[in-house]
Protein backbone atom coordinates (compact mmCIF):
# COMPACT_ATOMS: atom_id res chain seq x y z
CA MET A 1 18.60 -4.88 -130.11
CA ASN A 2 15.94 -2.17 -130.06
CA LYS A 3 12.93 -2.55 -132.31
CA HIS A 4 12.73 0.34 -134.76
CA ARG A 5 9.93 1.78 -136.85
CA ILE A 6 11.69 2.20 -140.19
CA LEU A 7 10.67 3.98 -143.39
CA ILE A 8 12.55 2.88 -146.52
CA THR A 9 12.37 5.41 -149.34
CA GLY A 10 12.64 3.77 -152.76
CA GLY A 11 12.24 0.45 -151.01
CA GLY A 12 10.44 -1.36 -153.82
CA GLY A 13 13.48 -1.76 -156.03
CA PHE A 14 16.33 -4.23 -156.37
CA VAL A 15 18.20 -3.15 -153.23
CA GLY A 16 15.18 -2.05 -151.20
CA THR A 17 13.38 -5.38 -151.51
CA GLN A 18 16.33 -7.26 -150.00
CA VAL A 19 16.91 -4.58 -147.34
CA SER A 20 13.25 -4.65 -146.28
CA MET A 21 13.35 -8.43 -145.92
CA GLU A 22 16.53 -8.42 -143.83
CA LEU A 23 15.21 -5.70 -141.52
CA SER A 24 11.83 -7.43 -141.14
CA VAL A 25 13.52 -10.73 -140.32
CA ALA A 26 15.62 -8.86 -137.73
CA GLY A 27 12.41 -7.83 -135.98
CA HIS A 28 11.90 -4.24 -137.08
CA ASP A 29 8.61 -2.67 -138.21
CA VAL A 30 9.22 -1.67 -141.83
CA THR A 31 7.26 0.55 -144.21
CA ILE A 32 8.25 1.07 -147.84
CA ILE A 33 7.41 4.17 -149.84
CA ASP A 34 8.08 3.83 -153.56
CA ARG A 35 6.72 5.58 -156.64
CA LYS A 36 6.17 2.22 -158.36
CA ASN A 37 3.76 -0.57 -157.52
CA PRO A 38 5.34 -3.65 -155.89
CA VAL A 39 6.56 -6.44 -158.15
CA HIS A 40 7.65 -8.75 -155.32
CA TYR A 41 6.12 -10.00 -152.11
CA HIS A 42 7.19 -7.69 -149.27
CA PRO A 43 6.97 -8.76 -145.61
CA CYS A 44 6.11 -5.18 -144.59
CA ILE A 45 3.77 -2.27 -145.27
CA TYR A 46 4.06 -0.93 -148.82
CA ARG A 47 2.91 2.56 -149.85
CA VAL A 48 2.92 3.92 -153.40
CA GLY A 49 3.75 7.57 -154.00
CA ASP A 50 6.32 10.31 -153.70
CA TYR A 51 8.47 9.81 -150.61
CA LEU A 52 8.61 13.50 -149.68
CA ASP A 53 4.84 13.94 -150.00
CA PHE A 54 4.31 10.78 -147.96
CA ILE A 55 6.58 11.62 -145.04
CA THR A 56 5.28 15.20 -145.01
CA ASN A 57 1.61 14.21 -144.79
CA THR A 58 1.43 10.77 -143.18
CA GLU A 59 0.17 10.24 -139.65
CA GLU A 60 2.36 7.16 -139.32
CA THR A 61 5.33 7.52 -136.98
CA PHE A 62 8.91 6.47 -137.61
CA ASP A 63 12.19 6.74 -135.72
CA THR A 64 14.49 5.78 -138.62
CA VAL A 65 14.67 6.48 -142.36
CA ILE A 66 16.67 4.37 -144.80
CA HIS A 67 17.05 6.66 -147.78
CA LEU A 68 17.48 4.62 -150.96
CA ALA A 69 15.38 6.71 -153.35
CA ALA A 70 17.49 8.41 -156.04
CA GLU A 71 18.05 8.80 -159.75
CA HIS A 72 21.07 6.63 -160.43
CA LEU A 73 22.05 6.36 -164.12
CA VAL A 74 25.50 7.83 -164.70
CA GLU A 75 25.10 8.46 -168.43
CA GLN A 76 21.69 10.06 -167.99
CA SER A 77 23.01 12.33 -165.25
CA VAL A 78 25.54 13.79 -167.70
CA THR A 79 22.80 14.84 -170.13
CA GLU A 80 20.06 15.61 -167.56
CA PRO A 81 21.78 17.09 -164.48
CA GLU A 82 18.72 19.14 -163.50
CA LYS A 83 16.71 15.94 -162.94
CA TYR A 84 19.45 14.55 -160.71
CA TYR A 85 19.95 17.65 -158.57
CA THR A 86 16.21 18.09 -158.14
CA ASN A 87 15.49 14.50 -157.10
CA ASN A 88 18.73 13.60 -155.32
CA VAL A 89 19.54 16.88 -153.56
CA VAL A 90 16.58 19.28 -153.38
CA LYS A 91 14.10 16.58 -152.37
CA MET A 92 16.60 15.06 -149.96
CA LYS A 93 16.92 18.42 -148.19
CA GLY A 94 13.13 18.43 -147.93
CA LEU A 95 13.26 14.95 -146.38
CA LEU A 96 15.80 16.07 -143.79
CA ASP A 97 13.72 19.15 -142.97
CA VAL A 98 10.68 16.96 -142.31
CA MET A 99 12.78 14.58 -140.22
CA VAL A 100 13.97 17.47 -138.05
CA GLY A 101 10.43 18.82 -137.72
CA ARG A 102 8.98 15.42 -136.80
CA LYS A 103 11.91 14.49 -134.54
CA ILE A 104 12.91 11.45 -136.61
CA LYS A 105 16.49 11.13 -135.42
CA ASN A 106 18.08 8.31 -137.43
CA ILE A 107 18.96 8.01 -141.10
CA VAL A 108 20.90 5.44 -143.14
CA PHE A 109 21.91 7.04 -146.45
CA SER A 110 22.76 5.24 -149.67
CA SER A 111 25.71 7.04 -151.21
CA SER A 112 28.08 5.69 -153.86
CA GLY A 113 31.66 4.70 -154.56
CA ASN A 114 31.37 7.08 -157.50
CA THR A 115 32.04 9.93 -155.06
CA TYR A 116 35.76 9.00 -155.24
CA GLY A 117 36.07 9.51 -159.00
CA ARG A 118 39.48 8.92 -160.59
CA GLN A 119 41.28 8.09 -157.35
CA GLY A 120 40.46 4.42 -157.91
CA ALA A 121 43.36 4.17 -160.36
CA ASN A 122 45.66 4.03 -157.34
CA GLY A 123 44.06 0.94 -155.80
CA PRO A 124 41.33 0.22 -153.24
CA LEU A 125 39.74 3.35 -151.82
CA SER A 126 39.36 4.02 -148.10
CA GLU A 127 36.72 6.27 -146.58
CA ASP A 128 39.22 9.06 -145.90
CA SER A 129 39.89 9.52 -149.63
CA TYR A 130 38.75 12.91 -150.91
CA TYR A 131 35.69 13.63 -153.03
CA ASP A 132 36.35 13.69 -156.77
CA PRO A 133 33.01 13.14 -158.55
CA GLU A 134 33.27 12.49 -162.29
CA ASN A 135 29.61 12.97 -163.18
CA PRO A 136 26.48 14.72 -161.89
CA TYR A 137 25.14 11.53 -160.29
CA ALA A 138 28.27 11.29 -158.15
CA SER A 139 28.12 15.01 -157.39
CA THR A 140 24.58 14.65 -156.04
CA LYS A 141 25.74 11.87 -153.73
CA VAL A 142 28.53 14.10 -152.42
CA ALA A 143 25.94 16.81 -151.81
CA GLY A 144 23.73 14.32 -149.96
CA GLU A 145 26.59 13.26 -147.69
CA LEU A 146 27.41 16.86 -146.85
CA LEU A 147 23.77 17.70 -146.18
CA ILE A 148 23.52 14.86 -143.68
CA LYS A 149 26.73 15.82 -141.89
CA ASP A 150 25.60 19.44 -141.54
CA TYR A 151 22.12 18.47 -140.32
CA ALA A 152 23.64 16.01 -137.85
CA ARG A 153 25.89 18.72 -136.46
CA ALA A 154 23.12 21.31 -136.20
CA TYR A 155 20.04 19.25 -135.31
CA GLY A 156 21.36 16.08 -133.68
CA LEU A 157 20.52 13.59 -136.43
CA LYS A 158 22.26 10.23 -136.17
CA TYR A 159 23.43 8.81 -139.48
CA VAL A 160 25.23 5.94 -141.12
CA THR A 161 26.29 6.60 -144.71
CA PHE A 162 27.04 3.67 -147.01
CA ARG A 163 29.11 4.21 -150.12
CA TYR A 164 27.81 1.36 -152.24
CA PHE A 165 29.98 -0.01 -154.93
CA ASN A 166 28.12 -2.14 -157.52
CA ALA A 167 25.14 -3.93 -155.96
CA ALA A 168 24.60 -7.12 -157.93
CA GLY A 169 23.31 -10.71 -157.81
CA ALA A 170 19.83 -11.66 -156.59
CA ASP A 171 18.22 -13.28 -153.60
CA PRO A 172 20.16 -16.55 -153.09
CA HIS A 173 16.86 -18.47 -153.11
CA ALA A 174 15.62 -16.70 -156.30
CA ARG A 175 12.62 -15.22 -154.48
CA PHE A 176 13.33 -11.78 -155.91
CA GLY A 177 15.99 -9.96 -157.86
CA TYR A 178 16.67 -7.31 -160.46
CA VAL A 179 13.52 -6.41 -162.42
CA GLN A 180 14.25 -3.17 -164.28
CA ARG A 181 13.61 -3.45 -168.00
CA PRO A 182 15.50 -2.59 -170.03
CA ALA A 183 18.30 -3.56 -167.64
CA THR A 184 20.89 -0.92 -166.76
CA HIS A 185 23.20 -2.97 -164.51
CA VAL A 186 25.96 -4.86 -166.26
CA ILE A 187 25.43 -8.37 -164.86
CA PRO A 188 21.68 -8.52 -165.63
CA ILE A 189 22.49 -7.15 -169.07
CA ILE A 190 24.99 -9.96 -169.70
CA CYS A 191 22.50 -12.58 -168.46
CA ASP A 192 19.75 -11.12 -170.63
CA LYS A 193 21.98 -11.09 -173.72
CA ILE A 194 22.90 -14.74 -173.20
CA LEU A 195 19.25 -15.71 -172.80
CA LYS A 196 18.33 -13.90 -176.02
CA ASP A 197 21.44 -14.75 -178.07
CA GLU A 198 22.15 -11.05 -178.48
CA LEU A 199 25.41 -9.09 -178.57
CA PHE A 200 26.81 -7.66 -175.35
CA THR A 201 28.75 -4.40 -175.79
CA ILE A 202 31.95 -3.78 -173.85
CA HIS A 203 32.32 0.00 -173.60
CA GLY A 204 35.99 0.93 -173.79
CA THR A 205 39.03 -1.29 -174.19
CA ASP A 206 41.78 1.31 -173.70
CA TYR A 207 41.48 2.03 -169.98
CA PRO A 208 44.69 1.83 -167.88
CA THR A 209 43.62 -1.50 -166.32
CA LYS A 210 44.79 -5.10 -166.45
CA ASP A 211 42.93 -5.88 -169.69
CA GLY A 212 41.89 -2.43 -170.90
CA THR A 213 38.27 -2.69 -169.70
CA CYS A 214 36.75 -0.96 -166.67
CA VAL A 215 37.34 -2.58 -163.28
CA ARG A 216 34.59 -2.46 -160.69
CA ASP A 217 33.82 -3.78 -157.23
CA TYR A 218 30.67 -5.95 -157.04
CA VAL A 219 28.84 -6.60 -153.77
CA HIS A 220 26.04 -9.13 -153.46
CA VAL A 221 22.70 -7.46 -152.75
CA SER A 222 22.12 -9.85 -149.83
CA ASP A 223 25.44 -8.83 -148.26
CA LEU A 224 24.58 -5.18 -148.78
CA ALA A 225 21.21 -5.67 -147.11
CA ARG A 226 22.84 -7.26 -144.06
CA ALA A 227 24.94 -4.14 -143.68
CA HIS A 228 21.75 -2.14 -143.05
CA VAL A 229 20.85 -4.36 -140.11
CA LYS A 230 24.35 -3.71 -138.78
CA ALA A 231 23.83 0.03 -139.27
CA ILE A 232 20.75 0.00 -137.03
CA GLU A 233 22.74 -1.89 -134.40
CA LEU A 234 25.49 0.74 -134.63
CA ILE A 235 22.95 3.51 -134.04
CA ASP A 236 21.68 1.64 -130.97
CA LYS A 237 25.24 1.40 -129.67
CA ARG A 238 25.58 5.21 -129.97
CA GLN A 239 28.41 4.76 -132.47
CA ALA A 240 26.68 6.40 -135.44
CA ASN A 241 27.70 9.39 -137.59
CA GLN A 242 30.09 7.29 -139.64
CA THR A 243 30.63 6.48 -143.31
CA PHE A 244 31.47 3.04 -144.67
CA ASN A 245 32.43 1.53 -148.00
CA ILE A 246 30.24 -1.44 -148.90
CA GLY A 247 32.00 -3.54 -151.52
CA GLY A 248 32.89 -7.08 -152.42
CA GLY A 249 36.22 -7.26 -150.61
CA SER A 250 38.20 -8.23 -153.71
CA ALA A 251 40.72 -6.51 -155.97
CA GLY A 252 37.93 -5.77 -158.44
CA VAL A 253 36.60 -7.44 -161.55
CA SER A 254 37.01 -6.17 -165.12
CA VAL A 255 34.19 -6.22 -167.67
CA GLN A 256 36.20 -8.73 -169.68
CA GLU A 257 36.42 -10.98 -166.61
CA LEU A 258 32.66 -10.67 -166.05
CA VAL A 259 32.09 -11.96 -169.57
CA LYS A 260 34.47 -14.87 -168.95
CA TYR A 261 32.89 -15.83 -165.60
CA ALA A 262 29.37 -15.57 -167.02
CA GLY A 263 30.29 -17.97 -169.80
CA GLU A 264 31.76 -20.45 -167.33
CA ILE A 265 28.77 -20.33 -164.97
CA VAL A 266 26.05 -20.40 -167.62
CA GLY A 267 27.87 -22.83 -169.88
CA LYS A 268 27.49 -20.53 -172.86
CA ASP A 269 29.80 -17.66 -173.76
CA PRO A 270 28.20 -14.26 -174.34
CA MET A 271 28.57 -12.84 -177.84
CA VAL A 272 30.65 -9.67 -177.50
CA VAL A 273 31.09 -6.49 -179.52
CA TYR A 274 33.40 -3.64 -178.56
CA GLY A 275 32.41 0.02 -178.39
CA GLY A 276 33.83 3.34 -177.22
CA ARG A 277 34.03 4.62 -173.68
CA ARG A 278 30.88 5.90 -171.96
CA ALA A 279 30.85 9.47 -170.69
CA GLY A 280 31.65 9.80 -166.99
CA ASP A 281 33.02 6.28 -166.46
CA PRO A 282 36.22 6.13 -164.33
CA ALA A 283 38.65 3.32 -165.18
CA MET A 284 38.64 1.64 -161.75
CA LEU A 285 36.53 1.77 -158.59
CA VAL A 286 37.37 -0.75 -155.87
CA ALA A 287 36.57 -0.49 -152.15
CA ASP A 288 38.71 -0.95 -149.08
CA ILE A 289 36.13 -2.44 -146.70
CA SER A 290 38.38 -2.84 -143.66
CA LYS A 291 36.54 -0.12 -141.71
CA ALA A 292 33.20 -1.90 -142.17
CA ALA A 293 34.80 -5.18 -141.11
CA LYS A 294 36.24 -3.64 -137.95
CA ILE A 295 33.44 -1.34 -136.77
CA LEU A 296 30.29 -2.85 -138.30
CA ASP A 297 31.49 -6.44 -137.96
CA TRP A 298 30.44 -6.85 -141.59
CA VAL A 299 32.17 -8.76 -144.36
CA PRO A 300 30.61 -10.11 -147.59
CA GLN A 301 29.63 -13.78 -147.70
CA TYR A 302 29.40 -14.07 -151.50
CA ASP A 303 32.02 -13.62 -154.25
CA ILE A 304 31.66 -12.60 -157.90
CA LYS A 305 30.88 -16.13 -159.12
CA ASP A 306 28.10 -16.44 -156.51
CA ILE A 307 26.79 -13.07 -157.67
CA ILE A 308 26.65 -14.13 -161.32
CA LYS A 309 25.15 -17.53 -160.42
CA HIS A 310 22.33 -15.98 -158.38
CA ALA A 311 21.70 -13.31 -161.02
CA TRP A 312 21.50 -16.02 -163.69
CA ASP A 313 19.15 -18.18 -161.59
CA TRP A 314 16.85 -15.18 -161.17
CA GLU A 315 16.93 -14.21 -164.84
CA GLU A 316 16.12 -17.76 -165.90
CA LYS A 317 13.22 -17.87 -163.47
CA ALA A 318 11.76 -14.40 -163.90
CA GLY A 319 13.51 -12.46 -166.65
CA LYS A 320 11.05 -13.38 -169.40
CA TYR A 321 8.10 -12.49 -167.18
CA PHE A 322 9.42 -9.01 -166.47
CA GLU A 323 10.35 -8.54 -170.10
CA THR A 324 6.77 -9.20 -171.22
CA SER A 325 5.13 -7.27 -168.37
CA LYS A 326 7.27 -4.11 -168.49
């Protein structure tokens, strides 16, 4: 394995913290650029600021960028599309321009299973499914994928694109985890509601799914991070310029099932209230991960109950701290 000098944009967050650890353990030199101050220990260099300003002006050298930085809230993207296109597309084009100018040849891009849209109703989605974005967030991820493909063709960039499904869980040893407050991911929200004896809202009970609630594919953040180490290995093998689904490898989990599993694992059932559908939410999004298994030699090690258990362990340990220090 070659040793790479890697810049992770948006690397201070939930996913980036785990990715930076896995890449550092694998022997790479890692630098994070994030607009927020660190809330965890990071075994790498950490810079605070705008990623485009940083890579434009820094004298540090890199051969690889892992591009995690993005606006990511589906509901917000529906009401504020300008914010999403500016940060997720316009700034990303600027990043690629700088990479070309500075001869940084490799990029691993965080896309989303949301690029598939409504096709999920027909079962697990493979990478050759067409684009059908249901909301501006998903549309910006489609734009990002197309930008990378065009720049690779014209300027020789090497890329691996990951279509994440729902990153969830926490570090298995509870060293770090999800810290955003208020929480926007469903599993931390459920854990938080149990801790506080508050109502958890299920949005939509009339979807064409097994129990009427949305079905999603959840991948443990540690498994997702390992995929990035595999991506660097694929670039070294000259097998890059490929796109992979990164999911949990199951048939999907409904929101109603999440509530049930959380109650079993915690030993206390969440209190539930039912609400209407959220704008932009497709009924089902589940990944076919067979391509990643075959080419990346990657399969998830953790299932949904592990994910909830690790998320709960983290919330019990650190949730109250982040709530009071937000």
